């Protein structure tokens, strides 16, 4: 009997948590996890390029759309960042908001 009550309580808490995640972000818990995984993969690939500027790019993901923000040194780096992001599994679209200019 105690095990059943405990199981029901745990399932109830999980349901509240899942609804809470959806209410706060408009996304399911699964989508939040998938977006975080995509963002981490993009950041890892950018860091692997060994161009210091690319490691300073801010990467946000929302429902498979990757947003790149920050400043890069030249147009080639801007394009390379988009190309790298598109290579990651699960990316539906890349919005490149990178600015070209002097890095501070």
PDB file of N, CA and C in Angstrom:
ATOM      1  N   UNK A   1       0.823  -1.190   0.000  1.00  0.00           N
ATOM      2  CA  UNK A   1       0.000   0.000   0.000  1.00  0.00           C
ATOM      3  C   UNK A   1       0.871   1.259   0.000  1.00  0.00           C
ATOM      4  N   UNK A   2       1.909   1.289   0.855  1.00  0.00           N
ATOM      5  CA  UNK A   2       2.793   2.450   0.907  1.00  0.00           C
ATOM      6  C   UNK A   2       3.521   2.636  -0.419  1.00  0.00           C
ATOM      7  N   UNK A   3       3.918   1.526  -1.032  1.00  0.00           N
ATOM      8  CA  UNK A   3       4.626   1.593  -2.314  1.00  0.00           C
ATOM      9  C   UNK A   3       3.725   2.205  -3.389  1.00  0.00           C
ATOM     10  N   UNK A   4       2.470   1.831  -3.404  1.00  0.00           N
ATOM     11  CA  UNK A   4       1.522   2.358  -4.386  1.00  0.00           C
ATOM     12  C   UNK A   4       1.308   3.851  -4.175  1.00  0.00           C
ATOM     13  N   UNK A   5       1.151   4.273  -2.930  1.00  0.00           N
ATOM     14  CA  UNK A   5       0.957   5.696  -2.628  1.00  0.00           C
ATOM     15  C   UNK A   5       2.187   6.490  -3.034  1.00  0.00           C
ATOM     16  N   UNK A   6       3.354   5.948  -2.715  1.00  0.00           N
ATOM     17  CA  UNK A   6       4.604   6.622  -3.073  1.00  0.00           C
ATOM     18  C   UNK A   6       4.732   6.742  -4.589  1.00  0.00           C
ATOM     19  N   UNK A   7       4.385   5.686  -5.314  1.00  0.00           N
ATOM     20  CA  UNK A   7       4.453   5.712  -6.777  1.00  0.00           C
ATOM     21  C   UNK A   7       3.514   6.760  -7.354  1.00  0.00           C
ATOM     22  N   UNK A   8       2.313   6.845  -6.806  1.00  0.00           N
ATOM     23  CA  UNK A   8       1.345   7.828  -7.275  1.00  0.00           C
ATOM     24  C   UNK A   8       1.863   9.244  -7.006  1.00  0.00           C
ATOM     25  N   UNK A   9       2.456   9.470  -5.836  1.00  0.00           N
ATOM     26  CA  UNK A   9       3.002  10.780  -5.509  1.00  0.00           C
ATOM     27  C   UNK A   9       4.143  11.162  -6.455  1.00  0.00           C
ATOM     28  N   UNK A  10       5.033  10.218  -6.728  1.00  0.00           N
ATOM     29  CA  UNK A  10       6.159  10.482  -7.631  1.00  0.00           C
ATOM     30  C   UNK A  10       5.642  10.803  -9.027  1.00  0.00           C
ATOM     31  N   UNK A  11       4.691  10.024  -9.513  1.00  0.00           N
ATOM     32  CA  UNK A  11       4.123  10.288 -10.842  1.00  0.00           C
ATOM     33  C   UNK A  11       3.426  11.644 -10.875  1.00  0.00           C
ATOM     34  N   UNK A  12       2.755  11.988  -9.800  1.00  0.00           N
ATOM     35  CA  UNK A  12       2.098  13.294  -9.718  1.00  0.00           C
ATOM     36  C   UNK A  12       3.097  14.433  -9.775  1.00  0.00           C
ATOM     37  N   UNK A  13       4.193  14.287  -9.030  1.00  0.00           N
ATOM     38  CA  UNK A  13       5.234  15.313  -9.046  1.00  0.00           C
ATOM     39  C   UNK A  13       5.868  15.445 -10.421  1.00  0.00           C
ATOM     40  N   UNK A  14       6.106  14.322 -11.081  1.00  0.00           N
ATOM     41  CA  UNK A  14       6.667  14.365 -12.436  1.00  0.00           C
ATOM     42  C   UNK A  14       5.710  15.060 -13.401  1.00  0.00           C
ATOM     43  N   UNK A  15       4.429  14.804 -13.257  1.00  0.00           N
ATOM     44  CA  UNK A  15       3.449  15.451 -14.120  1.00  0.00           C
ATOM     45  C   UNK A  15       3.432  16.961 -13.891  1.00  0.00           C
ATOM     46  N   UNK A  16       3.484  17.370 -12.631  1.00  0.00           N
ATOM     47  CA  UNK A  16       3.514  18.797 -12.307  1.00  0.00           C
ATOM     48  C   UNK A  16       4.774  19.432 -12.871  1.00  0.00           C
ATOM     49  N   UNK A  17       5.914  18.744 -12.730  1.00  0.00           N
ATOM     50  CA  UNK A  17       7.177  19.254 -13.261  1.00  0.00           C
ATOM     51  C   UNK A  17       7.092  19.430 -14.775  1.00  0.00           C
ATOM     52  N   UNK A  18       6.561  18.432 -15.463  1.00  0.00           N
ATOM     53  CA  UNK A  18       6.458  18.496 -16.925  1.00  0.00           C
ATOM     54  C   UNK A  18       5.541  19.633 -17.357  1.00  0.00           C
ATOM     55  N   UNK A  19       4.426  19.794 -16.671  1.00  0.00           N
ATOM     56  CA  UNK A  19       3.507  20.886 -16.993  1.00  0.00           C
ATOM     57  C   UNK A  19       4.158  22.224 -16.680  1.00  0.00           C
ATOM     58  N   UNK A  20       4.897  22.282 -15.580  1.00  0.00           N
ATOM     59  CA  UNK A  20       5.600  23.510 -15.209  1.00  0.00           C
ATOM     60  C   UNK A  20       6.612  23.912 -16.253  1.00  0.00           C
ATOM     61  N   UNK A  21       7.354  22.957 -16.773  1.00  0.00           N
ATOM     62  CA  UNK A  21       8.339  23.247 -17.824  1.00  0.00           C
ATOM     63  C   UNK A  21       7.643  23.801 -19.058  1.00  0.00           C
ATOM     64  N   UNK A  22       6.542  23.198 -19.431  1.00  0.00           N
ATOM     65  CA  UNK A  22       5.820  23.652 -20.604  1.00  0.00           C
ATOM     66  C   UNK A  22       5.250  25.052 -20.371  1.00  0.00           C
ATOM     67  N   UNK A  23       4.751  25.293 -19.173  1.00  0.00           N
ATOM     68  CA  UNK A  23       4.160  26.602 -18.874  1.00  0.00           C
ATOM     69  C   UNK A  23       5.208  27.706 -18.893  1.00  0.00           C
ATOM     70  N   UNK A  24       6.413  27.429 -18.415  1.00  0.00           N
ATOM     71  CA  UNK A  24       7.455  28.449 -18.353  1.00  0.00           C
ATOM     72  C   UNK A  24       8.077  28.759 -19.708  1.00  0.00           C
ATOM     73  N   UNK A  25       8.273  27.748 -20.517  1.00  0.00           N
ATOM     74  CA  UNK A  25       8.992  27.946 -21.774  1.00  0.00           C
ATOM     75  C   UNK A  25       8.122  27.774 -23.016  1.00  0.00           C
ATOM     76  N   UNK A  26       6.947  27.211 -22.852  1.00  0.00           N
ATOM     77  CA  UNK A  26       6.109  26.916 -24.008  1.00  0.00           C
ATOM     78  C   UNK A  26       6.558  25.667 -24.736  1.00  0.00           C
ATOM     79  N   UNK A  27       7.538  24.965 -24.167  1.00  0.00           N
ATOM     80  CA  UNK A  27       8.062  23.745 -24.775  1.00  0.00           C
ATOM     81  C   UNK A  27       7.931  22.606 -23.779  1.00  0.00           C
ATOM     82  N   UNK A  28       7.872  21.391 -24.295  1.00  0.00           N
ATOM     83  CA  UNK A  28       7.843  20.227 -23.424  1.00  0.00           C
ATOM     84  C   UNK A  28       9.229  20.010 -22.817  1.00  0.00           C
ATOM     85  N   UNK A  29       9.268  19.210 -21.769  1.00  0.00           N
ATOM     86  CA  UNK A  29      10.558  18.895 -21.147  1.00  0.00           C
ATOM     87  C   UNK A  29      11.481  18.218 -22.159  1.00  0.00           C
ATOM     88  N   UNK A  30      10.917  17.362 -22.996  1.00  0.00           N
ATOM     89  CA  UNK A  30      11.718  16.687 -24.018  1.00  0.00           C
ATOM     90  C   UNK A  30      12.316  17.659 -25.017  1.00  0.00           C
ATOM     91  N   UNK A  31      11.541  18.670 -25.409  1.00  0.00           N
ATOM     92  CA  UNK A  31      12.046  19.675 -26.351  1.00  0.00           C
ATOM     93  C   UNK A  31      13.141  20.512 -25.707  1.00  0.00           C
ATOM     94  N   UNK A  32      12.980  20.836 -24.418  1.00  0.00           N
ATOM     95  CA  UNK A  32      14.026  21.574 -23.700  1.00  0.00           C
ATOM     96  C   UNK A  32      15.334  20.797 -23.700  1.00  0.00           C
ATOM     97  N   UNK A  33      15.245  19.499 -23.450  1.00  0.00           N
ATOM     98  CA  UNK A  33      16.441  18.656 -23.432  1.00  0.00           C
ATOM     99  C   UNK A  33      17.061  18.584 -24.820  1.00  0.00           C
ATOM    100  N   UNK A  34      16.237  18.405 -25.835  1.00  0.00           N
ATOM    101  CA  UNK A  34      16.745  18.319 -27.213  1.00  0.00           C
ATOM    102  C   UNK A  34      17.422  19.625 -27.627  1.00  0.00           C
ATOM    103  N   UNK A  35      16.815  20.768 -27.293  1.00  0.00           N
ATOM    104  CA  UNK A  35      17.415  22.054 -27.632  1.00  0.00           C
ATOM    105  C   UNK A  35      18.753  22.248 -26.919  1.00  0.00           C
ATOM    106  N   UNK A  36      18.825  21.838 -25.655  1.00  0.00           N
ATOM    107  CA  UNK A  36      20.082  21.956 -24.904  1.00  0.00           C
ATOM    108  C   UNK A  36      21.156  21.070 -25.527  1.00  0.00           C
ATOM    109  N   UNK A  37      20.756  19.896 -25.972  1.00  0.00           N
ATOM    110  CA  UNK A  37      21.697  18.965 -26.615  1.00  0.00           C
ATOM    111  C   UNK A  37      22.224  19.554 -27.935  1.00  0.00           C
ATOM    112  N   UNK A  38      21.333  20.150 -28.717  1.00  0.00           N
ATOM    113  CA  UNK A  38      21.745  20.767 -29.982  1.00  0.00           C
ATOM    114  C   UNK A  38      22.709  21.919 -29.714  1.00  0.00           C
ATOM    115  N   UNK A  39      22.365  22.799 -28.772  1.00  0.00           N
ATOM    116  CA  UNK A  39      23.228  23.938 -28.455  1.00  0.00           C
ATOM    117  C   UNK A  39      24.606  23.474 -28.001  1.00  0.00           C
ATOM    118  N   UNK A  40      24.655  22.450 -27.160  1.00  0.00           N
ATOM    119  CA  UNK A  40      25.938  21.932 -26.685  1.00  0.00           C
ATOM    120  C   UNK A  40      26.754  21.360 -27.841  1.00  0.00           C
ATOM    121  N   UNK A  41      26.097  20.673 -28.759  1.00  0.00           N
ATOM    122  CA  UNK A  41      26.809  20.107 -29.915  1.00  0.00           C
ATOM    123  C   UNK A  41      27.370  21.204 -30.812  1.00  0.00           C
ATOM    124  N   UNK A  42      26.586  22.258 -31.033  1.00  0.00           N
ATOM    125  CA  UNK A  42      27.064  23.375 -31.860  1.00  0.00           C
ATOM    126  C   UNK A  42      28.271  24.026 -31.192  1.00  0.00           C
ATOM    127  N   UNK A  43      28.192  24.278 -29.890  1.00  0.00           N
ATOM    128  CA  UNK A  43      29.303  24.893 -29.158  1.00  0.00           C
ATOM    129  C   UNK A  43      30.557  24.022 -29.228  1.00  0.00           C
ATOM    130  N   UNK A  44      30.375  22.720 -29.106  1.00  0.00           N
ATOM    131  CA  UNK A  44      31.513  21.796 -29.174  1.00  0.00           C
ATOM    132  C   UNK A  44      32.168  21.848 -30.549  1.00  0.00           C
ATOM    133  N   UNK A  45      31.360  21.862 -31.601  1.00  0.00           N
ATOM    134  CA  UNK A  45      31.911  21.923 -32.964  1.00  0.00           C
ATOM    135  C   UNK A  45      32.601  23.262 -33.226  1.00  0.00           C
ATOM    136  N   UNK A  46      32.030  24.353 -32.708  1.00  0.00           N
ATOM    137  CA  UNK A  46      32.676  25.658 -32.868  1.00  0.00           C
ATOM    138  C   UNK A  46      34.025  25.668 -32.150  1.00  0.00           C
ATOM    139  N   UNK A  47      34.077  25.110 -30.948  1.00  0.00           N
ATOM    140  CA  UNK A  47      35.331  25.070 -30.186  1.00  0.00           C
ATOM    141  C   UNK A  47      36.372  24.203 -30.887  1.00  0.00           C
ATOM    142  N   UNK A  48      35.937  23.166 -31.563  1.00  0.00           N
ATOM    143  CA  UNK A  48      36.866  22.273 -32.266  1.00  0.00           C
ATOM    144  C   UNK A  48      37.547  22.959 -33.437  1.00  0.00           C
ATOM    145  N   UNK A  49      36.999  24.045 -33.916  1.00  0.00           N
ATOM    146  CA  UNK A  49      37.594  24.789 -35.025  1.00  0.00           C
ATOM    147  C   UNK A  49      38.907  25.459 -34.633  1.00  0.00           C
ATOM    148  N   UNK A  50      39.140  25.626 -33.351  1.00  0.00           N
ATOM    149  CA  UNK A  50      40.369  26.212 -32.821  1.00  0.00           C
ATOM    150  C   UNK A  50      40.614  27.640 -33.290  1.00  0.00           C
ATOM    151  N   UNK A  51      39.539  28.315 -33.633  1.00  0.00           N
ATOM    152  CA  UNK A  51      39.621  29.744 -33.926  1.00  0.00           C
ATOM    153  C   UNK A  51      39.025  30.417 -32.694  1.00  0.00           C
ATOM    154  N   UNK A  52      39.829  31.167 -31.975  1.00  0.00           N
ATOM    155  CA  UNK A  52      39.412  31.725 -30.691  1.00  0.00           C
ATOM    156  C   UNK A  52      38.089  32.478 -30.779  1.00  0.00           C
ATOM    157  N   UNK A  53      37.872  33.184 -31.859  1.00  0.00           N
ATOM    158  CA  UNK A  53      36.643  33.964 -32.006  1.00  0.00           C
ATOM    159  C   UNK A  53      35.410  33.072 -31.993  1.00  0.00           C
ATOM    160  N   UNK A  54      35.484  31.915 -32.627  1.00  0.00           N
ATOM    161  CA  UNK A  54      34.320  31.043 -32.721  1.00  0.00           C
ATOM    162  C   UNK A  54      33.915  30.483 -31.353  1.00  0.00           C
ATOM    163  N   UNK A  55      34.837  30.401 -30.420  1.00  0.00           N
ATOM    164  CA  UNK A  55      34.488  29.902 -29.092  1.00  0.00           C
ATOM    165  C   UNK A  55      33.745  30.954 -28.278  1.00  0.00           C
ATOM    166  N   UNK A  56      33.739  32.196 -28.721  1.00  0.00           N
ATOM    167  CA  UNK A  56      33.067  33.276 -27.997  1.00  0.00           C
ATOM    168  C   UNK A  56      31.657  33.534 -28.519  1.00  0.00           C
ATOM    169  N   UNK A  57      31.193  32.737 -29.444  1.00  0.00           N
ATOM    170  CA  UNK A  57      29.858  32.907 -30.013  1.00  0.00           C
ATOM    171  C   UNK A  57      28.828  32.363 -29.026  1.00  0.00           C
ATOM    172  N   UNK A  58      27.773  33.139 -28.804  1.00  0.00           N
ATOM    173  CA  UNK A  58      26.672  32.695 -27.961  1.00  0.00           C
ATOM    174  C   UNK A  58      25.723  31.868 -28.829  1.00  0.00           C
ATOM    175  N   UNK A  59      25.373  30.690 -28.354  1.00  0.00           N
ATOM    176  CA  UNK A  59      24.501  29.790 -29.101  1.00  0.00           C
ATOM    177  C   UNK A  59      23.238  29.536 -28.285  1.00  0.00           C
ATOM    178  N   UNK A  60      22.090  29.861 -28.867  1.00  0.00           N
ATOM    179  CA  UNK A  60      20.801  29.576 -28.251  1.00  0.00           C
ATOM    180  C   UNK A  60      20.010  28.725 -29.225  1.00  0.00           C
ATOM    181  N   UNK A  61      19.203  27.831 -28.689  1.00  0.00           N
ATOM    182  CA  UNK A  61      18.394  26.965 -29.539  1.00  0.00           C
ATOM    183  C   UNK A  61      16.952  26.971 -29.048  1.00  0.00           C
ATOM    184  N   UNK A  62      16.026  27.095 -29.980  1.00  0.00           N
ATOM    185  CA  UNK A  62      14.611  27.065 -29.659  1.00  0.00           C
ATOM    186  C   UNK A  62      13.893  26.233 -30.702  1.00  0.00           C
ATOM    187  N   UNK A  63      13.395  25.090 -30.293  1.00  0.00           N
ATOM    188  CA  UNK A  63      12.676  24.160 -31.159  1.00  0.00           C
ATOM    189  C   UNK A  63      13.443  23.836 -32.431  1.00  0.00           C
ATOM    190  N   UNK A  64      14.732  23.573 -32.273  1.00  0.00           N
ATOM    191  CA  UNK A  64      15.576  23.172 -33.386  1.00  0.00           C
ATOM    192  C   UNK A  64      16.171  24.315 -34.189  1.00  0.00           C
ATOM    193  N   UNK A  65      15.765  25.546 -33.895  1.00  0.00           N
ATOM    194  CA  UNK A  65      16.341  26.705 -34.570  1.00  0.00           C
ATOM    195  C   UNK A  65      17.498  27.226 -33.735  1.00  0.00           C
ATOM    196  N   UNK A  66      18.673  27.311 -34.341  1.00  0.00           N
ATOM    197  CA  UNK A  66      19.879  27.761 -33.644  1.00  0.00           C
ATOM    198  C   UNK A  66      20.084  29.241 -33.935  1.00  0.00           C
ATOM    199  N   UNK A  67      20.296  30.007 -32.868  1.00  0.00           N
ATOM    200  CA  UNK A  67      20.567  31.441 -32.976  1.00  0.00           C
ATOM    201  C   UNK A  67      22.018  31.682 -32.589  1.00  0.00           C
ATOM    202  N   UNK A  68      22.784  32.278 -33.497  1.00  0.00           N
ATOM    203  CA  UNK A  68      24.185  32.606 -33.254  1.00  0.00           C
ATOM    204  C   UNK A  68      24.284  34.105 -33.005  1.00  0.00           C
ATOM    205  N   UNK A  69      24.862  34.489 -31.865  1.00  0.00           N
ATOM    206  CA  UNK A  69      24.982  35.902 -31.487  1.00  0.00           C
ATOM    207  C   UNK A  69      26.408  36.202 -31.057  1.00  0.00           C
ATOM    208  N   UNK A  70      26.831  37.415 -31.300  1.00  0.00           N
ATOM    209  CA  UNK A  70      28.168  37.838 -30.903  1.00  0.00           C
ATOM    210  C   UNK A  70      28.856  38.562 -32.045  1.00  0.00           C
ATOM    211  N   UNK A  71      30.167  38.660 -31.941  1.00  0.00           N
ATOM    212  CA  UNK A  71      30.967  39.362 -32.950  1.00  0.00           C
ATOM    213  C   UNK A  71      32.104  38.458 -33.401  1.00  0.00           C
ATOM    214  N   UNK A  72      32.336  38.445 -34.702  1.00  0.00           N
ATOM    215  CA  UNK A  72      33.462  37.704 -35.279  1.00  0.00           C
ATOM    216  C   UNK A  72      34.317  38.676 -36.081  1.00  0.00           C
ATOM    217  N   UNK A  73      35.527  38.257 -36.398  1.00  0.00           N
ATOM    218  CA  UNK A  73      36.494  39.148 -37.050  1.00  0.00           C
ATOM    219  C   UNK A  73      36.201  39.437 -38.516  1.00  0.00           C
ATOM    220  N   UNK A  74      35.614  38.459 -39.223  1.00  0.00           N
ATOM    221  CA  UNK A  74      35.401  38.673 -40.655  1.00  0.00           C
ATOM    222  C   UNK A  74      34.201  37.863 -41.158  1.00  0.00           C
ATOM    223  N   UNK A  75      33.806  38.148 -42.395  1.00  0.00           N
ATOM    224  CA  UNK A  75      32.639  37.502 -42.983  1.00  0.00           C
ATOM    225  C   UNK A  75      32.844  35.992 -43.154  1.00  0.00           C
ATOM    226  N   UNK A  76      34.073  35.581 -43.400  1.00  0.00           N
ATOM    227  CA  UNK A  76      34.362  34.153 -43.533  1.00  0.00           C
ATOM    228  C   UNK A  76      34.058  33.390 -42.251  1.00  0.00           C
ATOM    229  N   UNK A  77      34.419  33.988 -41.105  1.00  0.00           N
ATOM    230  CA  UNK A  77      34.131  33.351 -39.819  1.00  0.00           C
ATOM    231  C   UNK A  77      32.628  33.293 -39.569  1.00  0.00           C
ATOM    232  N   UNK A  78      31.933  34.338 -39.966  1.00  0.00           N
ATOM    233  CA  UNK A  78      30.482  34.373 -39.802  1.00  0.00           C
ATOM    234  C   UNK A  78      29.846  33.225 -40.589  1.00  0.00           C
ATOM    235  N   UNK A  79      30.264  33.068 -41.830  1.00  0.00           N
ATOM    236  CA  UNK A  79      29.725  32.006 -42.673  1.00  0.00           C
ATOM    237  C   UNK A  79      30.109  30.626 -42.131  1.00  0.00           C
ATOM    238  N   UNK A  80      31.352  30.490 -41.663  1.00  0.00           N
ATOM    239  CA  UNK A  80      31.821  29.205 -41.137  1.00  0.00           C
ATOM    240  C   UNK A  80      31.000  28.794 -39.914  1.00  0.00           C
ATOM    241  N   UNK A  81      30.655  29.756 -39.066  1.00  0.00           N
ATOM    242  CA  UNK A  81      29.847  29.449 -37.889  1.00  0.00           C
ATOM    243  C   UNK A  81      28.479  28.895 -38.301  1.00  0.00           C
ATOM    244  N   UNK A  82      27.869  29.485 -39.318  1.00  0.00           N
ATOM    245  CA  UNK A  82      26.580  28.979 -39.825  1.00  0.00           C
ATOM    246  C   UNK A  82      26.733  27.574 -40.381  1.00  0.00           C
ATOM    247  N   UNK A  83      27.784  27.369 -41.158  1.00  0.00           N
ATOM    248  CA  UNK A  83      28.025  26.054 -41.761  1.00  0.00           C
ATOM    249  C   UNK A  83      28.186  24.989 -40.684  1.00  0.00           C
ATOM    250  N   UNK A  84      28.932  25.315 -39.646  1.00  0.00           N
ATOM    251  CA  UNK A  84      29.159  24.365 -38.546  1.00  0.00           C
ATOM    252  C   UNK A  84      27.837  24.040 -37.861  1.00  0.00           C
ATOM    253  N   UNK A  85      27.038  25.050 -37.566  1.00  0.00           N
ATOM    254  CA  UNK A  85      25.761  24.831 -36.876  1.00  0.00           C
ATOM    255  C   UNK A  85      24.837  23.941 -37.698  1.00  0.00           C
ATOM    256  N   UNK A  86      24.826  24.122 -39.007  1.00  0.00           N
ATOM    257  CA  UNK A  86      23.953  23.328 -39.879  1.00  0.00           C
ATOM    258  C   UNK A  86      24.350  21.851 -39.906  1.00  0.00           C
ATOM    259  N   UNK A  87      25.579  21.538 -39.558  1.00  0.00           N
ATOM    260  CA  UNK A  87      26.059  20.151 -39.576  1.00  0.00           C
ATOM    261  C   UNK A  87      25.549  19.331 -38.393  1.00  0.00           C
ATOM    262  N   UNK A  88      25.015  19.981 -37.377  1.00  0.00           N
ATOM    263  CA  UNK A  88      24.593  19.293 -36.157  1.00  0.00           C
ATOM    264  C   UNK A  88      23.224  18.651 -36.368  1.00  0.00           C
ATOM    265  N   UNK A  89      23.113  17.405 -35.957  1.00  0.00           N
ATOM    266  CA  UNK A  89      21.845  16.682 -36.061  1.00  0.00           C
ATOM    267  C   UNK A  89      20.768  17.383 -35.249  1.00  0.00           C
ATOM    268  N   UNK A  90      19.579  17.501 -35.828  1.00  0.00           N
ATOM    269  CA  UNK A  90      18.450  18.104 -35.138  1.00  0.00           C
ATOM    270  C   UNK A  90      18.254  19.581 -35.436  1.00  0.00           C
ATOM    271  N   UNK A  91      19.247  20.211 -36.089  1.00  0.00           N
ATOM    272  CA  UNK A  91      19.130  21.632 -36.419  1.00  0.00           C
ATOM    273  C   UNK A  91      18.182  21.772 -37.603  1.00  0.00           C
ATOM    274  N   UNK A  92      17.135  22.568 -37.407  1.00  0.00           N
ATOM    275  CA  UNK A  92      16.162  22.808 -38.472  1.00  0.00           C
ATOM    276  C   UNK A  92      16.488  24.066 -39.266  1.00  0.00           C
ATOM    277  N   UNK A  93      17.020  25.055 -38.550  1.00  0.00           N
ATOM    278  CA  UNK A  93      17.308  26.350 -39.178  1.00  0.00           C
ATOM    279  C   UNK A  93      18.405  27.034 -38.363  1.00  0.00           C
ATOM    280  N   UNK A  94      19.180  27.888 -39.017  1.00  0.00           N
ATOM    281  CA  UNK A  94      20.205  28.682 -38.339  1.00  0.00           C
ATOM    282  C   UNK A  94      19.907  30.154 -38.595  1.00  0.00           C
ATOM    283  N   UNK A  95      19.813  30.916 -37.514  1.00  0.00           N
ATOM    284  CA  UNK A  95      19.645  32.363 -37.607  1.00  0.00           C
ATOM    285  C   UNK A  95      20.967  32.969 -37.165  1.00  0.00           C
ATOM    286  N   UNK A  96      21.694  33.528 -38.134  1.00  0.00           N
ATOM    287  CA  UNK A  96      23.028  34.048 -37.860  1.00  0.00           C
ATOM    288  C   UNK A  96      22.944  35.552 -37.592  1.00  0.00           C
ATOM    289  N   UNK A  97      22.986  35.904 -36.308  1.00  0.00           N
ATOM    290  CA  UNK A  97      22.953  37.307 -35.884  1.00  0.00           C
ATOM    291  C   UNK A  97      24.353  37.837 -35.592  1.00  0.00           C
ATOM    292  N   UNK A  98      25.376  37.137 -36.048  1.00  0.00           N
ATOM    293  CA  UNK A  98      26.753  37.544 -35.772  1.00  0.00           C
ATOM    294  C   UNK A  98      27.067  38.848 -36.483  1.00  0.00           C
ATOM    295  N   UNK A  99      27.781  39.690 -35.786  1.00  0.00           N
ATOM    296  CA  UNK A  99      28.239  40.943 -36.361  1.00  0.00           C
ATOM    297  C   UNK A  99      29.724  40.804 -36.714  1.00  0.00           C
ATOM    298  N   UNK A 100      30.108  41.421 -37.803  1.00  0.00           N
ATOM    299  CA  UNK A 100      31.520  41.404 -38.214  1.00  0.00           C
ATOM    300  C   UNK A 100      32.141  42.710 -37.746  1.00  0.00           C
ATOM    301  N   UNK A 101      33.248  42.595 -37.028  1.00  0.00           N
ATOM    302  CA  UNK A 101      33.921  43.787 -36.530  1.00  0.00           C
ATOM    303  C   UNK A 101      35.036  43.436 -35.574  1.00  0.00           C
ATOM    304  N   UNK A 102      35.569  44.459 -34.937  1.00  0.00           N
ATOM    305  CA  UNK A 102      36.663  44.272 -33.997  1.00  0.00           C
ATOM    306  C   UNK A 102      36.160  43.545 -32.750  1.00  0.00           C
ATOM    307  N   UNK A 103      36.910  42.559 -32.348  1.00  0.00           N
ATOM    308  CA  UNK A 103      36.591  41.789 -31.138  1.00  0.00           C
ATOM    309  C   UNK A 103      37.140  42.522 -29.924  1.00  0.00           C
ATOM    310  N   UNK A 104      36.317  42.630 -28.914  1.00  0.00           N
ATOM    311  CA  UNK A 104      36.765  43.321 -27.691  1.00  0.00           C
ATOM    312  C   UNK A 104      37.127  42.357 -26.610  1.00  0.00           C
TER     313      UNK A 104
END
